[in-house]
């Protein structure tokens, strides 16, 4: 039952695999079992977010494409011109810009500088993996690529958290 609770904790943003594994190890679970349960919980949640975001992105892209085609057809029918610039600016005018959070801005800088692998691995320092994966997929990165690098990142960070707490408990406390 305890590994299942650790798995559920791993699915929670900001707790994720590393903190969930630490909680499990402190709670007396074998470090390997705690790390695996936390990583699986974190990855299953990321998988769900990636699939959901991918479907939402596809729907938005298809809707915008249909609106652009309809605007072009209507403009060319009535004015004889293509109307592409007007319809694109009309679509862009409907989207509002919100200020970016510090974490999102930092993540975007890492994405530009290091690509998807680097942003996935460094991303948990700024944002939870669920948010990172949603940003990547919404930006057009293929689902498989995001899932691969998020799995690598989750494995790395959960291992770091598990080994750190295990070492602290073993060497400092003498448990």
Protein backbone atom coordinates (compact mmCIF):
# COMPACT_ATOMS: atom_id res chain seq x y z
CA UNK A 1 0.00 0.00 0.00
CA UNK A 2 2.83 2.42 0.83
CA UNK A 3 4.42 2.22 -2.67
CA UNK A 4 1.02 3.06 -4.17
CA UNK A 5 0.81 6.16 -1.97
CA UNK A 6 4.33 7.13 -3.09
CA UNK A 7 3.21 6.59 -6.71
CA UNK A 8 0.24 8.92 -6.18
CA UNK A 9 2.51 11.51 -4.56
CA UNK A 10 4.83 11.30 -7.58
CA UNK A 11 1.95 12.35 -9.81
CA UNK A 12 1.44 15.63 -7.93
CA UNK A 13 3.12 18.68 -9.53
CA UNK A 14 5.84 20.26 -7.39
CA UNK A 15 6.17 17.01 -5.40
CA UNK A 16 6.96 14.78 -8.38
CA UNK A 17 9.27 11.78 -8.33
CA UNK A 18 12.15 13.21 -6.35
CA UNK A 19 10.17 14.42 -3.32
CA UNK A 20 7.80 11.45 -3.41
CA UNK A 21 10.78 9.07 -3.34
CA UNK A 22 12.25 11.00 -0.41
CA UNK A 23 8.95 10.71 1.45
CA UNK A 24 8.89 6.96 0.76
CA UNK A 25 12.45 6.39 1.94
CA UNK A 26 11.87 8.44 5.11
CA UNK A 27 8.67 6.43 5.61
CA UNK A 28 10.67 3.20 5.66
CA UNK A 29 10.19 1.91 2.11
CA UNK A 30 13.15 0.30 0.38
CA UNK A 31 14.87 3.10 -1.62
CA UNK A 32 14.65 1.19 -4.90
CA UNK A 33 10.94 0.50 -4.46
CA UNK A 34 10.29 4.10 -3.40
CA UNK A 35 12.25 5.49 -6.35
CA UNK A 36 10.52 3.23 -8.87
CA UNK A 37 7.06 3.94 -7.49
CA UNK A 38 7.65 7.69 -7.46
CA UNK A 39 9.10 7.70 -11.00
CA UNK A 40 6.22 5.61 -12.36
CA UNK A 41 3.65 7.88 -10.74
CA UNK A 42 5.36 10.98 -12.14
CA UNK A 43 5.68 9.48 -15.63
CA UNK A 44 2.08 8.27 -15.79
CA UNK A 45 0.90 11.79 -14.94
CA UNK A 46 3.24 13.27 -17.60
CA UNK A 47 1.94 10.73 -20.13
CA UNK A 48 -1.63 11.80 -19.40
CA UNK A 49 -0.71 15.50 -19.72
CA UNK A 50 1.15 14.91 -23.01
CA UNK A 51 -1.78 13.00 -24.54
CA UNK A 52 -4.30 15.59 -23.38
CA UNK A 53 -2.20 18.55 -24.53
CA UNK A 54 -1.53 16.90 -27.87
CA UNK A 55 -5.24 16.45 -28.51
CA UNK A 56 -5.94 20.04 -27.48
CA UNK A 57 -3.16 21.35 -29.75
CA UNK A 58 -4.50 19.35 -32.69
CA UNK A 59 -7.99 20.75 -32.12
CA UNK A 60 -6.70 24.34 -31.91
CA UNK A 61 -4.52 23.98 -35.02
CA UNK A 62 -7.39 22.43 -36.99
CA UNK A 63 -9.82 25.14 -35.85
CA UNK A 64 -7.40 27.95 -36.78
CA UNK A 65 -6.68 26.32 -40.12
CA UNK A 66 -10.41 26.04 -40.86
CA UNK A 67 -11.00 29.65 -39.80
CA UNK A 68 -8.15 30.82 -42.03
CA UNK A 69 -9.50 28.87 -45.01
CA UNK A 70 -13.00 30.26 -44.40
CA UNK A 71 -11.67 33.82 -44.06
CA UNK A 72 -9.63 33.46 -47.25
CA UNK A 73 -12.58 32.05 -49.18
CA UNK A 74 -14.88 34.80 -47.98
CA UNK A 75 -12.37 37.56 -48.68
CA UNK A 76 -11.58 36.31 -52.16
CA UNK A 77 -15.27 35.87 -52.98
CA UNK A 78 -16.20 39.45 -52.06
CA UNK A 79 -13.08 41.42 -52.88
CA UNK A 80 -11.33 39.30 -55.43
CA UNK A 81 -8.17 39.42 -53.28
CA UNK A 82 -6.62 36.66 -51.26
CA UNK A 83 -7.22 38.35 -47.90
CA UNK A 84 -4.53 36.28 -46.21
CA UNK A 85 -2.89 39.14 -44.31
CA UNK A 86 -6.20 40.46 -43.05
CA UNK A 87 -7.44 37.07 -41.92
CA UNK A 88 -4.17 36.22 -40.18
CA UNK A 89 -4.15 39.55 -38.34
CA UNK A 90 -7.80 39.04 -37.41
CA UNK A 91 -6.97 35.62 -35.94
CA UNK A 92 -3.95 37.00 -34.10
CA UNK A 93 -6.03 39.86 -32.68
CA UNK A 94 -8.31 37.35 -30.94
CA UNK A 95 -5.45 35.88 -28.89
CA UNK A 96 -4.49 37.85 -25.81
CA UNK A 97 -1.01 37.90 -24.34
CA UNK A 98 -0.57 37.25 -20.61
CA UNK A 99 2.67 38.07 -18.84
CA UNK A 100 4.94 35.04 -18.48
CA UNK A 101 5.93 33.66 -15.11
CA UNK A 102 9.61 33.63 -14.19
CA UNK A 103 9.70 29.83 -14.35
CA UNK A 104 8.15 29.72 -17.82
CA UNK A 105 10.51 32.41 -19.12
CA UNK A 106 13.51 30.53 -17.72
CA UNK A 107 12.27 27.28 -19.26
CA UNK A 108 11.84 28.92 -22.68
CA UNK A 109 15.41 30.27 -22.53
CA UNK A 110 16.67 26.74 -21.75
CA UNK A 111 14.59 25.35 -24.62
CA UNK A 112 16.16 27.78 -27.07
CA UNK A 113 19.65 27.22 -25.71
CA UNK A 114 19.69 23.45 -25.07
CA UNK A 115 16.82 22.04 -27.15
CA UNK A 116 14.23 19.54 -25.96
CA UNK A 117 16.73 17.22 -24.18
CA UNK A 118 18.33 20.02 -22.18
CA UNK A 119 15.04 21.74 -21.44
CA UNK A 120 13.53 18.47 -20.25
CA UNK A 121 16.45 17.67 -17.98
CA UNK A 122 16.86 21.22 -16.63
CA UNK A 123 13.13 22.00 -16.66
CA UNK A 124 12.38 20.57 -13.19
CA UNK A 125 14.63 23.25 -11.73
CA UNK A 126 12.11 25.87 -12.91
CA UNK A 127 8.78 24.08 -13.47
CA UNK A 128 7.18 20.71 -12.71
CA UNK A 129 7.59 18.06 -15.40
CA UNK A 130 3.86 18.15 -16.09
CA UNK A 131 4.05 21.85 -17.01
CA UNK A 132 7.27 21.35 -18.96
CA UNK A 133 5.78 18.57 -21.06
CA UNK A 134 2.61 20.58 -21.72
CA UNK A 135 4.66 23.57 -22.92
CA UNK A 136 6.76 21.37 -25.21
CA UNK A 137 3.79 19.60 -26.78
CA UNK A 138 1.76 22.80 -27.13
CA UNK A 139 4.76 24.33 -28.91
CA UNK A 140 4.70 21.56 -31.51
CA UNK A 141 7.35 19.13 -30.25
CA UNK A 142 6.41 15.53 -31.18
CA UNK A 143 4.81 13.54 -28.35
CA UNK A 144 7.31 10.68 -28.54
CA UNK A 145 10.27 13.04 -28.25
CA UNK A 146 8.74 14.77 -25.24
CA UNK A 147 7.91 11.48 -23.53
CA UNK A 148 11.41 10.11 -24.13
CA UNK A 149 13.18 13.12 -22.65
CA UNK A 150 10.71 13.53 -19.81
CA UNK A 151 11.32 9.87 -18.91
CA UNK A 152 15.07 10.56 -18.88
CA UNK A 153 14.58 13.67 -16.74
CA UNK A 154 12.24 11.90 -14.31
CA UNK A 155 14.71 9.03 -13.98
CA UNK A 156 17.64 11.37 -13.33
CA UNK A 157 15.89 13.61 -10.80
CA UNK A 158 14.14 10.76 -8.96
CA UNK A 159 17.45 8.91 -8.71
CA UNK A 160 19.18 12.03 -7.37
CA UNK A 161 16.45 12.55 -4.78
CA UNK A 162 16.34 8.90 -3.72
CA UNK A 163 20.11 8.51 -3.42
CA UNK A 164 20.42 11.83 -1.58
CA UNK A 165 17.87 10.98 1.10
CA UNK A 166 19.16 7.41 1.40
CA UNK A 167 22.73 8.66 1.84
CA UNK A 168 21.64 11.29 4.34
CA UNK A 169 19.72 8.76 6.40
CA UNK A 170 22.43 6.10 6.17
CA UNK A 171 25.53 8.17 6.81
CA UNK A 172 24.30 11.10 8.87
CA UNK A 173 21.62 9.50 10.99
CA UNK A 174 22.89 5.91 10.91
CA UNK A 175 19.54 4.31 10.17
